[in-house]
Amino acid sequence: MSFEFSADEIFEMAEQMERNGQQFYNAAAAAVQGEEHKKLLLELAGMEVDHEKTFKAMRGELTRKERETNVFDPQSEAALYLKALVETRVFFDKAMDVSSMEKILKAAIEAEKDSIVFYLGMKNAVPEELGRGRLDDIIKEEMSHVRLLSRELVKLKR
């Protein structure tokens, strides 16, 4: 079965992914040694909260047309599909290697890159008239996370 999603559904998913990211960073902060590392991870968790708010606001700005879905889906299979993807692909609950800050940052970079790839793929599932262009805003936000995490990883290796 092929699905088309509205920008509204994608933003809803983005909000959940940010909540998952927040949980990831909070768990890493609780497990890592060193106050400086804890502080960074808690700041990253806070950024996830801010991004969730950003996506929620962006979702609130969607037009009525961008909120609509044009696929008959009486059993909400599309929503269930999205939920399964979010819960199993990006920042999902898995065993974390918190033996070093380097491993935590690498895992975080990988998760952020996965989210970018995921959103790029989802762009094909959102018709232009239902808000495909708005996904670029999500992708830019996630790319900013990758840049920040990469800078922190470089600093750590010095």
N, C-alpha and C. Protein backbone atom coordinates (compact mmCIF):
# COMPACT_ATOMS: atom_id res chain seq x y z
N MET A 1 0.85 -1.17 0.00
CA MET A 1 0.00 0.00 0.00
C MET A 1 0.89 1.24 0.00
N SER A 2 0.61 2.16 -0.86
CA SER A 2 1.37 3.40 -0.95
C SER A 2 0.65 4.49 -0.15
N PHE A 3 1.43 5.30 0.56
CA PHE A 3 0.86 6.36 1.37
C PHE A 3 1.31 7.72 0.85
N GLU A 4 0.44 8.67 0.95
CA GLU A 4 0.80 10.07 0.79
C GLU A 4 0.50 10.72 2.13
N PHE A 5 1.39 11.59 2.55
CA PHE A 5 1.22 12.23 3.84
C PHE A 5 1.08 13.72 3.66
N SER A 6 0.38 14.33 4.58
CA SER A 6 0.28 15.79 4.57
C SER A 6 1.44 16.34 5.38
N ALA A 7 1.73 17.62 5.18
CA ALA A 7 2.76 18.28 5.98
C ALA A 7 2.39 18.21 7.46
N ASP A 8 1.11 18.26 7.77
CA ASP A 8 0.65 18.18 9.15
C ASP A 8 1.11 16.87 9.79
N GLU A 9 0.96 15.78 9.08
CA GLU A 9 1.37 14.48 9.61
C GLU A 9 2.89 14.41 9.79
N ILE A 10 3.62 15.00 8.85
CA ILE A 10 5.07 14.99 8.96
C ILE A 10 5.53 15.84 10.14
N PHE A 11 4.91 17.01 10.34
CA PHE A 11 5.28 17.85 11.48
C PHE A 11 4.93 17.15 12.79
N GLU A 12 3.83 16.44 12.83
CA GLU A 12 3.47 15.68 14.03
C GLU A 12 4.56 14.65 14.33
N MET A 13 5.04 13.99 13.28
CA MET A 13 6.11 13.01 13.43
C MET A 13 7.40 13.70 13.88
N ALA A 14 7.69 14.87 13.32
CA ALA A 14 8.89 15.61 13.70
C ALA A 14 8.86 15.95 15.19
N GLU A 15 7.70 16.33 15.68
CA GLU A 15 7.57 16.64 17.10
C GLU A 15 7.91 15.41 17.95
N GLN A 16 7.42 14.24 17.53
CA GLN A 16 7.71 13.01 18.28
C GLN A 16 9.20 12.68 18.21
N MET A 17 9.80 12.87 17.06
CA MET A 17 11.23 12.59 16.93
C MET A 17 12.05 13.49 17.85
N GLU A 18 11.63 14.73 18.01
CA GLU A 18 12.32 15.64 18.91
C GLU A 18 12.15 15.18 20.36
N ARG A 19 10.96 14.68 20.71
CA ARG A 19 10.77 14.14 22.06
C ARG A 19 11.68 12.93 22.28
N ASN A 20 11.80 12.08 21.26
CA ASN A 20 12.70 10.92 21.36
C ASN A 20 14.14 11.38 21.54
N GLY A 21 14.54 12.43 20.80
CA GLY A 21 15.89 12.97 20.93
C GLY A 21 16.14 13.52 22.32
N GLN A 22 15.15 14.20 22.86
CA GLN A 22 15.28 14.73 24.22
C GLN A 22 15.53 13.60 25.21
N GLN A 23 14.77 12.51 25.08
CA GLN A 23 14.96 11.37 25.98
C GLN A 23 16.36 10.78 25.82
N PHE A 24 16.83 10.68 24.58
CA PHE A 24 18.17 10.16 24.29
C PHE A 24 19.23 10.99 25.02
N TYR A 25 19.17 12.32 24.84
CA TYR A 25 20.18 13.19 25.45
C TYR A 25 20.07 13.21 26.97
N ASN A 26 18.87 13.18 27.51
CA ASN A 26 18.72 13.14 28.97
C ASN A 26 19.28 11.85 29.55
N ALA A 27 19.03 10.73 28.87
CA ALA A 27 19.56 9.44 29.33
C ALA A 27 21.08 9.43 29.26
N ALA A 28 21.63 9.98 28.18
CA ALA A 28 23.09 10.03 28.04
C ALA A 28 23.69 10.93 29.12
N ALA A 29 23.04 12.04 29.42
CA ALA A 29 23.54 12.95 30.46
C ALA A 29 23.55 12.27 31.82
N ALA A 30 22.55 11.45 32.07
CA ALA A 30 22.48 10.75 33.35
C ALA A 30 23.57 9.69 33.48
N ALA A 31 24.03 9.17 32.34
CA ALA A 31 24.99 8.08 32.37
C ALA A 31 26.45 8.51 32.23
N VAL A 32 26.68 9.68 31.66
CA VAL A 32 28.05 10.10 31.34
C VAL A 32 28.75 10.69 32.56
N GLN A 33 30.07 10.58 32.55
CA GLN A 33 30.89 11.16 33.62
C GLN A 33 31.34 12.56 33.21
N GLY A 34 31.48 13.42 34.16
CA GLY A 34 32.00 14.76 33.91
C GLY A 34 30.91 15.79 33.77
N GLU A 35 31.02 16.83 34.56
CA GLU A 35 29.98 17.87 34.56
C GLU A 35 29.89 18.61 33.22
N GLU A 36 31.03 18.83 32.57
CA GLU A 36 31.02 19.53 31.29
C GLU A 36 30.23 18.74 30.24
N HIS A 37 30.43 17.42 30.25
CA HIS A 37 29.71 16.56 29.31
C HIS A 37 28.22 16.52 29.63
N LYS A 38 27.90 16.40 30.91
CA LYS A 38 26.49 16.41 31.33
C LYS A 38 25.81 17.70 30.88
N LYS A 39 26.52 18.81 31.09
CA LYS A 39 25.96 20.11 30.72
C LYS A 39 25.67 20.18 29.23
N LEU A 40 26.61 19.73 28.40
CA LEU A 40 26.41 19.74 26.95
C LEU A 40 25.21 18.89 26.56
N LEU A 41 25.12 17.69 27.11
CA LEU A 41 24.03 16.79 26.75
C LEU A 41 22.68 17.35 27.20
N LEU A 42 22.65 17.99 28.35
CA LEU A 42 21.40 18.61 28.81
C LEU A 42 21.04 19.81 27.93
N GLU A 43 22.05 20.53 27.45
CA GLU A 43 21.79 21.62 26.51
C GLU A 43 21.21 21.07 25.20
N LEU A 44 21.76 19.95 24.75
CA LEU A 44 21.22 19.32 23.53
C LEU A 44 19.78 18.86 23.75
N ALA A 45 19.50 18.33 24.92
CA ALA A 45 18.12 17.93 25.24
C ALA A 45 17.21 19.16 25.19
N GLY A 46 17.71 20.28 25.72
CA GLY A 46 16.95 21.52 25.66
C GLY A 46 16.70 21.99 24.24
N MET A 47 17.70 21.79 23.37
CA MET A 47 17.51 22.15 21.95
C MET A 47 16.43 21.30 21.31
N GLU A 48 16.37 20.04 21.71
CA GLU A 48 15.31 19.17 21.19
C GLU A 48 13.94 19.70 21.61
N VAL A 49 13.85 20.17 22.85
CA VAL A 49 12.59 20.76 23.32
C VAL A 49 12.26 21.99 22.49
N ASP A 50 13.27 22.83 22.25
CA ASP A 50 13.05 24.03 21.43
C ASP A 50 12.63 23.67 20.01
N HIS A 51 13.26 22.66 19.44
CA HIS A 51 12.89 22.24 18.09
C HIS A 51 11.48 21.67 18.05
N GLU A 52 11.11 20.93 19.09
CA GLU A 52 9.73 20.44 19.15
C GLU A 52 8.76 21.61 19.13
N LYS A 53 9.07 22.65 19.91
CA LYS A 53 8.21 23.84 19.93
C LYS A 53 8.20 24.52 18.56
N THR A 54 9.37 24.57 17.92
CA THR A 54 9.46 25.17 16.58
C THR A 54 8.57 24.40 15.60
N PHE A 55 8.67 23.09 15.63
CA PHE A 55 7.86 22.28 14.71
C PHE A 55 6.38 22.40 15.02
N LYS A 56 6.05 22.50 16.30
CA LYS A 56 4.65 22.68 16.69
C LYS A 56 4.13 24.02 16.15
N ALA A 57 4.95 25.06 16.27
CA ALA A 57 4.55 26.38 15.75
C ALA A 57 4.42 26.34 14.23
N MET A 58 5.37 25.68 13.57
CA MET A 58 5.32 25.56 12.11
C MET A 58 4.05 24.80 11.71
N ARG A 59 3.75 23.78 12.48
CA ARG A 59 2.54 22.99 12.22
C ARG A 59 1.29 23.86 12.37
N GLY A 60 1.32 24.75 13.36
CA GLY A 60 0.20 25.65 13.58
C GLY A 60 0.01 26.65 12.46
N GLU A 61 1.07 26.91 11.70
CA GLU A 61 1.01 27.86 10.58
C GLU A 61 0.55 27.22 9.27
N LEU A 62 0.37 25.90 9.28
CA LEU A 62 -0.05 25.23 8.05
C LEU A 62 -1.43 25.71 7.62
N THR A 63 -1.61 25.78 6.33
CA THR A 63 -2.92 26.12 5.79
C THR A 63 -3.84 24.92 5.95
N ARG A 64 -5.11 25.17 5.79
CA ARG A 64 -6.09 24.08 5.88
C ARG A 64 -5.78 23.00 4.84
N LYS A 65 -5.40 23.42 3.66
CA LYS A 65 -5.08 22.49 2.59
C LYS A 65 -3.87 21.63 2.96
N GLU A 66 -2.87 22.24 3.59
CA GLU A 66 -1.66 21.49 3.97
C GLU A 66 -1.94 20.50 5.09
N ARG A 67 -3.02 20.71 5.83
CA ARG A 67 -3.38 19.79 6.91
C ARG A 67 -4.16 18.57 6.41
N GLU A 68 -4.72 18.70 5.25
CA GLU A 68 -5.57 17.63 4.72
C GLU A 68 -4.74 16.48 4.17
N THR A 69 -5.33 15.33 4.22
CA THR A 69 -4.77 14.18 3.52
C THR A 69 -5.76 13.84 2.42
N ASN A 70 -5.26 13.38 1.32
CA ASN A 70 -6.16 13.09 0.21
C ASN A 70 -6.27 11.60 -0.07
N VAL A 71 -5.93 10.80 0.94
CA VAL A 71 -6.01 9.35 0.80
C VAL A 71 -7.09 8.83 1.75
N PHE A 72 -7.93 7.96 1.25
CA PHE A 72 -8.95 7.33 2.09
C PHE A 72 -8.25 6.39 3.05
N ASP A 73 -8.36 6.65 4.34
CA ASP A 73 -7.65 5.90 5.36
C ASP A 73 -8.50 5.79 6.62
N PRO A 74 -9.62 5.05 6.55
CA PRO A 74 -10.55 5.02 7.68
C PRO A 74 -9.98 4.38 8.95
N GLN A 75 -8.96 3.55 8.81
CA GLN A 75 -8.39 2.90 9.99
C GLN A 75 -7.08 3.55 10.44
N SER A 76 -6.81 4.73 9.91
CA SER A 76 -5.62 5.51 10.29
C SER A 76 -4.32 4.72 10.13
N GLU A 77 -4.23 3.92 9.08
CA GLU A 77 -3.03 3.14 8.85
C GLU A 77 -1.82 4.03 8.58
N ALA A 78 -2.03 5.15 7.91
CA ALA A 78 -0.92 6.06 7.62
C ALA A 78 -0.31 6.57 8.92
N ALA A 79 -1.15 6.97 9.85
CA ALA A 79 -0.66 7.46 11.14
C ALA A 79 0.08 6.37 11.90
N LEU A 80 -0.44 5.16 11.86
CA LEU A 80 0.22 4.04 12.53
C LEU A 80 1.57 3.74 11.89
N TYR A 81 1.63 3.84 10.56
CA TYR A 81 2.87 3.64 9.82
C TYR A 81 3.91 4.68 10.24
N LEU A 82 3.50 5.93 10.28
CA LEU A 82 4.41 7.00 10.69
C LEU A 82 4.91 6.79 12.12
N LYS A 83 4.00 6.44 12.99
CA LYS A 83 4.36 6.21 14.39
C LYS A 83 5.39 5.09 14.50
N ALA A 84 5.18 4.01 13.77
CA ALA A 84 6.12 2.89 13.79
C ALA A 84 7.49 3.32 13.27
N LEU A 85 7.50 4.12 12.21
CA LEU A 85 8.77 4.59 11.67
C LEU A 85 9.52 5.46 12.67
N VAL A 86 8.81 6.36 13.30
CA VAL A 86 9.43 7.26 14.27
C VAL A 86 9.99 6.48 15.45
N GLU A 87 9.23 5.51 15.91
CA GLU A 87 9.64 4.78 17.11
C GLU A 87 10.72 3.74 16.85
N THR A 88 10.99 3.43 15.60
CA THR A 88 11.98 2.40 15.32
C THR A 88 13.18 2.87 14.53
N ARG A 89 13.18 4.08 13.99
CA ARG A 89 14.28 4.52 13.14
C ARG A 89 15.17 5.59 13.75
N VAL A 90 14.63 6.62 14.31
CA VAL A 90 15.45 7.75 14.73
C VAL A 90 15.30 7.97 16.23
N PHE A 91 16.41 7.96 16.93
CA PHE A 91 16.44 8.15 18.38
C PHE A 91 15.52 7.17 19.09
N PHE A 92 15.44 5.96 18.57
CA PHE A 92 14.57 5.00 19.23
C PHE A 92 15.28 4.41 20.44
N ASP A 93 14.49 3.79 21.28
CA ASP A 93 14.99 3.25 22.54
C ASP A 93 15.85 2.03 22.25
N LYS A 94 17.15 2.19 22.43
CA LYS A 94 18.07 1.08 22.20
C LYS A 94 19.19 1.19 23.22
N ALA A 95 19.97 0.14 23.31
CA ALA A 95 21.10 0.17 24.23
C ALA A 95 22.11 1.21 23.74
N MET A 96 22.50 2.10 24.63
CA MET A 96 23.47 3.14 24.28
C MET A 96 24.82 2.79 24.86
N ASP A 97 25.84 3.01 24.08
CA ASP A 97 27.20 2.87 24.58
C ASP A 97 27.59 4.24 25.14
N VAL A 98 27.58 4.34 26.45
CA VAL A 98 27.92 5.61 27.11
C VAL A 98 29.28 5.51 27.77
N SER A 99 30.12 4.63 27.23
CA SER A 99 31.44 4.46 27.83
C SER A 99 32.35 5.65 27.57
N SER A 100 31.98 6.47 26.59
CA SER A 100 32.76 7.68 26.34
C SER A 100 31.87 8.74 25.69
N MET A 101 32.25 9.97 25.89
CA MET A 101 31.52 11.08 25.28
C MET A 101 31.62 10.99 23.76
N GLU A 102 32.76 10.53 23.26
CA GLU A 102 32.94 10.38 21.82
C GLU A 102 31.90 9.43 21.23
N LYS A 103 31.66 8.32 21.89
CA LYS A 103 30.68 7.36 21.39
C LYS A 103 29.26 7.93 21.45
N ILE A 104 28.98 8.69 22.49
CA ILE A 104 27.65 9.33 22.61
C ILE A 104 27.46 10.33 21.47
N LEU A 105 28.46 11.17 21.23
CA LEU A 105 28.34 12.16 20.15
C LEU A 105 28.21 11.49 18.78
N LYS A 106 28.98 10.42 18.56
CA LYS A 106 28.88 9.71 17.29
C LYS A 106 27.49 9.11 17.10
N ALA A 107 26.93 8.55 18.17
CA ALA A 107 25.57 7.98 18.09
C ALA A 107 24.56 9.09 17.82
N ALA A 108 24.75 10.24 18.44
CA ALA A 108 23.83 11.36 18.23
C ALA A 108 23.93 11.88 16.80
N ILE A 109 25.14 11.99 16.27
CA ILE A 109 25.32 12.44 14.89
C ILE A 109 24.64 11.46 13.94
N GLU A 110 24.82 10.18 14.19
CA GLU A 110 24.19 9.16 13.34
C GLU A 110 22.66 9.28 13.38
N ALA A 111 22.11 9.49 14.57
CA ALA A 111 20.65 9.62 14.69
C ALA A 111 20.16 10.87 13.97
N GLU A 112 20.90 11.97 14.10
CA GLU A 112 20.49 13.21 13.41
C GLU A 112 20.57 13.03 11.90
N LYS A 113 21.62 12.37 11.42
CA LYS A 113 21.74 12.11 9.98
C LYS A 113 20.60 11.21 9.51
N ASP A 114 20.27 10.20 10.32
CA ASP A 114 19.14 9.32 9.98
C ASP A 114 17.86 10.12 9.86
N SER A 115 17.68 11.10 10.74
CA SER A 115 16.46 11.90 10.68
C SER A 115 16.43 12.73 9.40
N ILE A 116 17.58 13.26 8.98
CA ILE A 116 17.63 14.04 7.74
C ILE A 116 17.29 13.16 6.56
N VAL A 117 17.88 11.99 6.50
CA VAL A 117 17.60 11.05 5.41
C VAL A 117 16.12 10.67 5.41
N PHE A 118 15.60 10.45 6.59
CA PHE A 118 14.19 10.10 6.73
C PHE A 118 13.30 11.21 6.16
N TYR A 119 13.57 12.45 6.56
CA TYR A 119 12.77 13.57 6.07
C TYR A 119 12.93 13.79 4.57
N LEU A 120 14.14 13.59 4.06
CA LEU A 120 14.33 13.70 2.61
C LEU A 120 13.47 12.67 1.88
N GLY A 121 13.43 11.47 2.43
CA GLY A 121 12.57 10.44 1.85
C GLY A 121 11.10 10.76 1.97
N MET A 122 10.72 11.36 3.08
CA MET A 122 9.31 11.68 3.28
C MET A 122 8.85 12.80 2.36
N LYS A 123 9.79 13.61 1.88
CA LYS A 123 9.41 14.68 0.95
C LYS A 123 8.69 14.11 -0.27
N ASN A 124 9.11 12.92 -0.67
CA ASN A 124 8.46 12.28 -1.83
C ASN A 124 7.05 11.80 -1.52
N ALA A 125 6.74 11.67 -0.24
CA ALA A 125 5.42 11.18 0.16
C ALA A 125 4.45 12.31 0.47
N VAL A 126 4.93 13.55 0.37
CA VAL A 126 4.07 14.71 0.64
C VAL A 126 3.88 15.47 -0.67
N PRO A 127 2.67 15.49 -1.20
CA PRO A 127 2.43 16.24 -2.43
C PRO A 127 2.73 17.72 -2.22
N GLU A 128 3.17 18.38 -3.29
CA GLU A 128 3.52 19.80 -3.23
C GLU A 128 2.39 20.63 -2.65
N GLU A 129 1.17 20.35 -3.07
CA GLU A 129 0.02 21.13 -2.61
C GLU A 129 -0.34 20.86 -1.15
N LEU A 130 0.27 19.84 -0.56
CA LEU A 130 0.02 19.54 0.85
C LEU A 130 1.19 19.94 1.74
N GLY A 131 2.12 20.72 1.20
CA GLY A 131 3.16 21.30 2.04
C GLY A 131 4.54 20.67 1.94
N ARG A 132 4.88 20.04 0.84
CA ARG A 132 6.19 19.41 0.69
C ARG A 132 7.33 20.39 0.99
N GLY A 133 7.22 21.62 0.53
CA GLY A 133 8.28 22.59 0.73
C GLY A 133 8.58 22.88 2.19
N ARG A 134 7.61 22.70 3.05
CA ARG A 134 7.83 22.98 4.48
C ARG A 134 8.78 21.97 5.12
N LEU A 135 8.95 20.83 4.49
CA LEU A 135 9.87 19.84 5.05
C LEU A 135 11.31 20.34 5.00
N ASP A 136 11.60 21.27 4.08
CA ASP A 136 12.94 21.84 4.03
C ASP A 136 13.28 22.53 5.35
N ASP A 137 12.29 23.13 6.00
CA ASP A 137 12.52 23.79 7.29
C ASP A 137 12.94 22.77 8.35
N ILE A 138 12.30 21.62 8.35
CA ILE A 138 12.67 20.56 9.30
C ILE A 138 14.09 20.10 9.02
N ILE A 139 14.40 19.87 7.77
CA ILE A 139 15.72 19.38 7.39
C ILE A 139 16.80 20.37 7.80
N LYS A 140 16.57 21.66 7.61
CA LYS A 140 17.55 22.67 8.02
C LYS A 140 17.78 22.64 9.53
N GLU A 141 16.71 22.46 10.29
CA GLU A 141 16.86 22.37 11.75
C GLU A 141 17.72 21.18 12.14
N GLU A 142 17.48 20.04 11.51
CA GLU A 142 18.24 18.84 11.84
C GLU A 142 19.70 18.97 11.40
N MET A 143 19.94 19.63 10.27
CA MET A 143 21.30 19.85 9.81
C MET A 143 22.08 20.71 10.80
N SER A 144 21.40 21.64 11.45
CA SER A 144 22.07 22.47 12.45
C SER A 144 22.53 21.62 13.63
N HIS A 145 21.76 20.58 13.96
CA HIS A 145 22.17 19.66 15.03
C HIS A 145 23.45 18.93 14.64
N VAL A 146 23.51 18.45 13.41
CA VAL A 146 24.68 17.70 12.95
C VAL A 146 25.93 18.59 13.02
N ARG A 147 25.79 19.84 12.58
CA ARG A 147 26.94 20.76 12.63
C ARG A 147 27.41 20.97 14.07
N LEU A 148 26.49 21.19 14.97
CA LEU A 148 26.84 21.42 16.37
C LEU A 148 27.52 20.19 16.96
N LEU A 149 26.93 19.02 16.76
CA LEU A 149 27.50 17.79 17.30
C LEU A 149 28.88 17.52 16.70
N SER A 150 29.05 17.79 15.43
CA SER A 150 30.35 17.58 14.77
C SER A 150 31.41 18.51 15.36
N ARG A 151 31.04 19.75 15.60
CA ARG A 151 31.99 20.69 16.23
C ARG A 151 32.40 20.19 17.61
N GLU A 152 31.43 19.69 18.36
CA GLU A 152 31.73 19.18 19.71
C GLU A 152 32.63 17.95 19.64
N LEU A 153 32.42 17.10 18.66
CA LEU A 153 33.25 15.92 18.50
C LEU A 153 34.69 16.31 18.15
N VAL A 154 34.85 17.30 17.28
CA VAL A 154 36.18 17.80 16.92
C VAL A 154 36.87 18.38 18.15
N LYS A 155 36.15 19.18 18.95
CA LYS A 155 36.72 19.76 20.17
C LYS A 155 37.18 18.67 21.13
N LEU A 156 36.39 17.63 21.20
CA LEU A 156 36.70 16.53 22.11
C LEU A 156 38.00 15.81 21.72
N LYS A 157 38.25 15.73 20.44
CA LYS A 157 39.43 15.02 19.95
C LYS A 157 40.71 15.83 20.02
N ARG A 158 40.61 17.10 20.32
CA ARG A 158 41.82 17.95 20.41
C ARG A 158 42.57 17.72 21.67
